[in-house]
Amino acid sequence: MNYFIQFLTYFRIFSAPIIFIFITIFHYYGLAFLLFLIASISDYWDGFLARKYQLESEIGTVLDPIADKILVTFVLFAISIELSSPFIGFIGAGILLRDFWVNALRDFNSRNGNIDATKVTFLAKIKTAIQFITFSCFLLGLYLNSALLLFLSNFFLVLALIVTLQTGLSYTIATFNKK
């Protein structure tokens, strides 16, 4: 079971560039949507199975959020390129900025014995779900050639940015809160 859980994490990492290629080179939006949907669901299942079978590991704790960030980065870039959207690019840069910042905080906290300050919170899990739903909407909009769905996806993207920045702020406060 441990190997399967690890496979799910690695699957997200390796599917990210494939999704990028499907979107930007081949314009296989349906396949990109399907692969992204499977990768998104794998995020839930690897954590669920690791907890259920008590197979949580340090490497899994480190790799799981990195796999999510890799997937998000490739999909953000692909959607921004495919739609030629400075708006999506700018919002995406804000999301990635927060991710870099939180990674720096995690490293800082690890070095200072304060790892609890940047443990994944429930809101961070919600943030990931909102991001995955948002990107799924964009991909479905591309597949269906639906301007309305793409337009609505922009609102989800702003919501994803707000929640993403809130989690970054929470981690920052927890890191530098002097007790």
Protein backbone atom coordinates (compact mmCIF):
# COMPACT_ATOMS: atom_id res chain seq x y z
CA MET A 1 0.00 0.00 0.00
CA ASN A 2 2.89 2.35 0.76
CA TYR A 3 4.13 2.09 -2.82
CA PHE A 4 0.68 2.87 -4.17
CA ILE A 5 0.43 5.98 -1.98
CA GLN A 6 3.83 7.14 -3.22
CA PHE A 7 2.76 6.38 -6.79
CA LEU A 8 -0.22 8.72 -6.40
CA THR A 9 2.07 11.56 -5.35
CA TYR A 10 4.54 10.90 -8.18
CA PHE A 11 1.63 10.62 -10.60
CA ARG A 12 0.76 14.29 -9.97
CA ILE A 13 4.37 15.31 -10.55
CA PHE A 14 4.72 13.41 -13.83
CA SER A 15 1.26 14.25 -15.15
CA ALA A 16 1.88 18.02 -14.84
CA PRO A 17 4.16 18.41 -17.89
CA ILE A 18 1.97 16.01 -19.89
CA ILE A 19 -1.05 18.22 -19.17
CA PHE A 20 0.99 21.26 -20.21
CA ILE A 21 1.88 19.60 -23.52
CA PHE A 22 -1.71 18.45 -24.11
CA ILE A 23 -2.94 22.04 -23.66
CA THR A 24 -0.28 24.15 -25.33
CA ILE A 25 1.01 21.96 -28.16
CA PHE A 26 -1.70 19.49 -29.10
CA HIS A 27 -4.81 21.37 -27.86
CA TYR A 28 -6.18 18.13 -26.42
CA TYR A 29 -8.29 19.93 -23.86
CA GLY A 30 -10.47 16.91 -23.11
CA LEU A 31 -7.49 14.69 -22.34
CA ALA A 32 -5.86 17.48 -20.32
CA PHE A 33 -9.09 17.90 -18.35
CA LEU A 34 -9.38 14.17 -17.71
CA LEU A 35 -5.74 13.78 -16.68
CA PHE A 36 -5.96 16.86 -14.44
CA LEU A 37 -9.13 15.51 -12.84
CA ILE A 38 -7.44 12.19 -12.09
CA ALA A 39 -4.35 13.97 -10.74
CA SER A 40 -6.52 16.19 -8.54
CA ILE A 41 -8.39 13.23 -7.13
CA SER A 42 -5.08 11.45 -6.46
CA ASP A 43 -4.21 14.29 -4.07
CA TYR A 44 -7.15 13.37 -1.87
CA TRP A 45 -6.55 9.64 -2.06
CA ASP A 46 -2.85 9.64 -1.19
CA GLY A 47 -3.52 11.57 2.01
CA PHE A 48 -6.62 9.56 2.88
CA LEU A 49 -4.90 6.21 2.39
CA ALA A 50 -1.75 7.30 4.23
CA ARG A 51 -3.82 8.30 7.26
CA LYS A 52 -6.11 5.26 7.07
CA TYR A 53 -3.25 2.77 6.96
CA GLN A 54 -0.99 4.86 9.21
CA LEU A 55 1.61 5.17 6.46
CA GLU A 56 2.26 8.87 6.85
CA SER A 57 5.93 9.59 6.31
CA GLU A 58 8.25 12.55 6.39
CA ILE A 59 8.98 12.23 2.69
CA GLY A 60 5.24 12.09 1.97
CA THR A 61 4.66 15.17 4.11
CA VAL A 62 7.30 17.01 2.08
CA LEU A 63 6.47 15.65 -1.38
CA ASP A 64 2.67 15.95 -1.26
CA PRO A 65 2.50 19.77 -1.21
CA ILE A 66 5.38 19.97 -3.70
CA ALA A 67 3.49 17.66 -6.08
CA ASP A 68 0.48 19.95 -5.79
CA LYS A 69 2.61 23.02 -6.51
CA ILE A 70 4.19 21.37 -9.55
CA LEU A 71 0.76 20.47 -10.90
CA VAL A 72 -0.61 23.95 -10.21
CA THR A 73 2.43 25.64 -11.80
CA PHE A 74 2.27 23.68 -15.05
CA VAL A 75 -1.49 24.10 -15.39
CA LEU A 76 -1.35 27.81 -14.56
CA PHE A 77 1.33 28.40 -17.17
CA ALA A 78 -0.52 26.32 -19.78
CA ILE A 79 -3.86 28.07 -19.25
CA SER A 80 -2.23 31.50 -19.22
CA ILE A 81 -0.37 30.74 -22.46
CA GLU A 82 -3.33 29.08 -24.18
CA LEU A 83 -5.72 31.92 -23.37
CA SER A 84 -3.04 34.63 -23.88
CA SER A 85 -4.21 36.12 -20.61
CA PRO A 86 -2.09 38.58 -18.65
CA PHE A 87 -4.85 38.49 -16.00
CA ILE A 88 -4.45 34.73 -15.43
CA GLY A 89 -0.66 35.15 -15.56
CA PHE A 90 -0.71 37.91 -12.94
CA ILE A 91 -3.10 36.08 -10.58
CA GLY A 92 -1.07 32.91 -11.13
CA ALA A 93 2.11 34.78 -10.22
CA GLY A 94 0.45 35.81 -6.96
CA ILE A 95 -0.46 32.21 -6.21
CA LEU A 96 3.07 31.04 -6.99
CA LEU A 97 4.59 33.86 -4.92
CA ARG A 98 2.65 32.64 -1.91
CA ASP A 99 3.84 29.07 -2.57
CA PHE A 100 7.49 30.15 -2.71
CA TRP A 101 7.02 32.17 0.48
CA VAL A 102 5.40 29.28 2.34
CA ASN A 103 8.21 26.95 1.21
CA ALA A 104 10.71 29.44 2.63
CA LEU A 105 8.73 29.57 5.88
CA ARG A 106 8.69 25.76 6.07
CA ASP A 107 12.44 25.65 5.59
CA PHE A 108 12.93 28.38 8.19
CA ASN A 109 10.65 26.61 10.67
CA SER A 110 12.35 23.29 10.05
CA ARG A 111 15.72 24.81 10.87
CA ASN A 112 14.33 26.43 14.01
CA GLY A 113 12.33 23.50 15.38
CA ASN A 114 9.00 25.20 14.73
CA ILE A 115 7.51 22.87 12.12
CA ASP A 116 4.01 23.05 13.64
CA ALA A 117 3.76 26.69 12.48
CA THR A 118 3.55 25.59 8.85
CA LYS A 119 1.79 22.26 9.13
CA VAL A 120 -0.90 21.92 6.49
CA THR A 121 -4.13 23.41 7.81
CA PHE A 122 -7.73 22.66 6.88
CA LEU A 123 -7.94 26.02 5.10
CA ALA A 124 -4.85 25.09 3.06
CA LYS A 125 -6.63 21.90 1.99
CA ILE A 126 -9.65 23.98 1.00
CA LYS A 127 -7.28 26.29 -0.91
CA THR A 128 -5.94 23.36 -2.92
CA ALA A 129 -9.46 22.13 -3.63
CA ILE A 130 -10.53 25.60 -4.84
CA GLN A 131 -7.47 25.80 -7.07
CA PHE A 132 -8.14 22.36 -8.53
CA ILE A 133 -11.82 23.19 -9.13
CA THR A 134 -10.82 26.49 -10.76
CA PHE A 135 -8.35 24.86 -13.15
CA SER A 136 -10.86 22.11 -13.92
CA CYS A 137 -13.37 24.81 -14.89
CA PHE A 138 -10.82 26.48 -17.16
CA LEU A 139 -9.96 23.17 -18.82
CA LEU A 140 -13.61 22.23 -19.20
CA GLY A 141 -14.27 25.68 -20.67
CA LEU A 142 -11.49 25.15 -23.19
CA TYR A 143 -12.77 21.68 -24.05
CA LEU A 144 -16.37 22.86 -24.50
CA ASN A 145 -15.23 26.10 -26.14
CA SER A 146 -17.44 27.92 -23.63
CA ALA A 147 -16.69 31.62 -23.22
CA LEU A 148 -19.14 31.74 -20.31
CA LEU A 149 -17.37 28.98 -18.40
CA LEU A 150 -13.99 30.59 -19.05
CA PHE A 151 -15.36 33.94 -17.87
CA LEU A 152 -16.76 32.39 -14.67
CA SER A 153 -13.46 30.58 -14.11
CA ASN A 154 -11.79 33.98 -13.73
CA PHE A 155 -13.96 34.65 -10.67
CA PHE A 156 -12.99 31.29 -9.19
CA LEU A 157 -9.36 32.21 -9.86
CA VAL A 158 -9.71 35.43 -7.85
CA LEU A 159 -11.34 33.43 -5.03
CA ALA A 160 -8.46 30.95 -5.20
CA LEU A 161 -5.99 33.84 -4.93
CA ILE A 162 -7.76 35.30 -1.88
CA VAL A 163 -7.82 31.97 -0.02
CA THR A 164 -4.24 31.24 -1.11
CA LEU A 165 -3.00 34.58 0.24
CA GLN A 166 -4.98 34.08 3.47
CA THR A 167 -3.28 30.75 4.13
CA GLY A 168 0.10 32.35 3.42
CA LEU A 169 -0.70 35.10 5.91
CA SER A 170 -1.78 32.55 8.52
CA TYR A 171 1.47 30.62 8.12
CA THR A 172 3.47 33.86 8.33
CA ILE A 173 1.73 34.92 11.54
CA ALA A 174 2.18 31.46 13.06
CA THR A 175 5.88 31.50 12.15
CA PHE A 176 6.70 34.90 13.62
CA ASN A 177 4.24 34.94 16.51
CA LYS A 178 6.35 35.38 19.64
CA LYS A 179 4.87 33.49 22.57
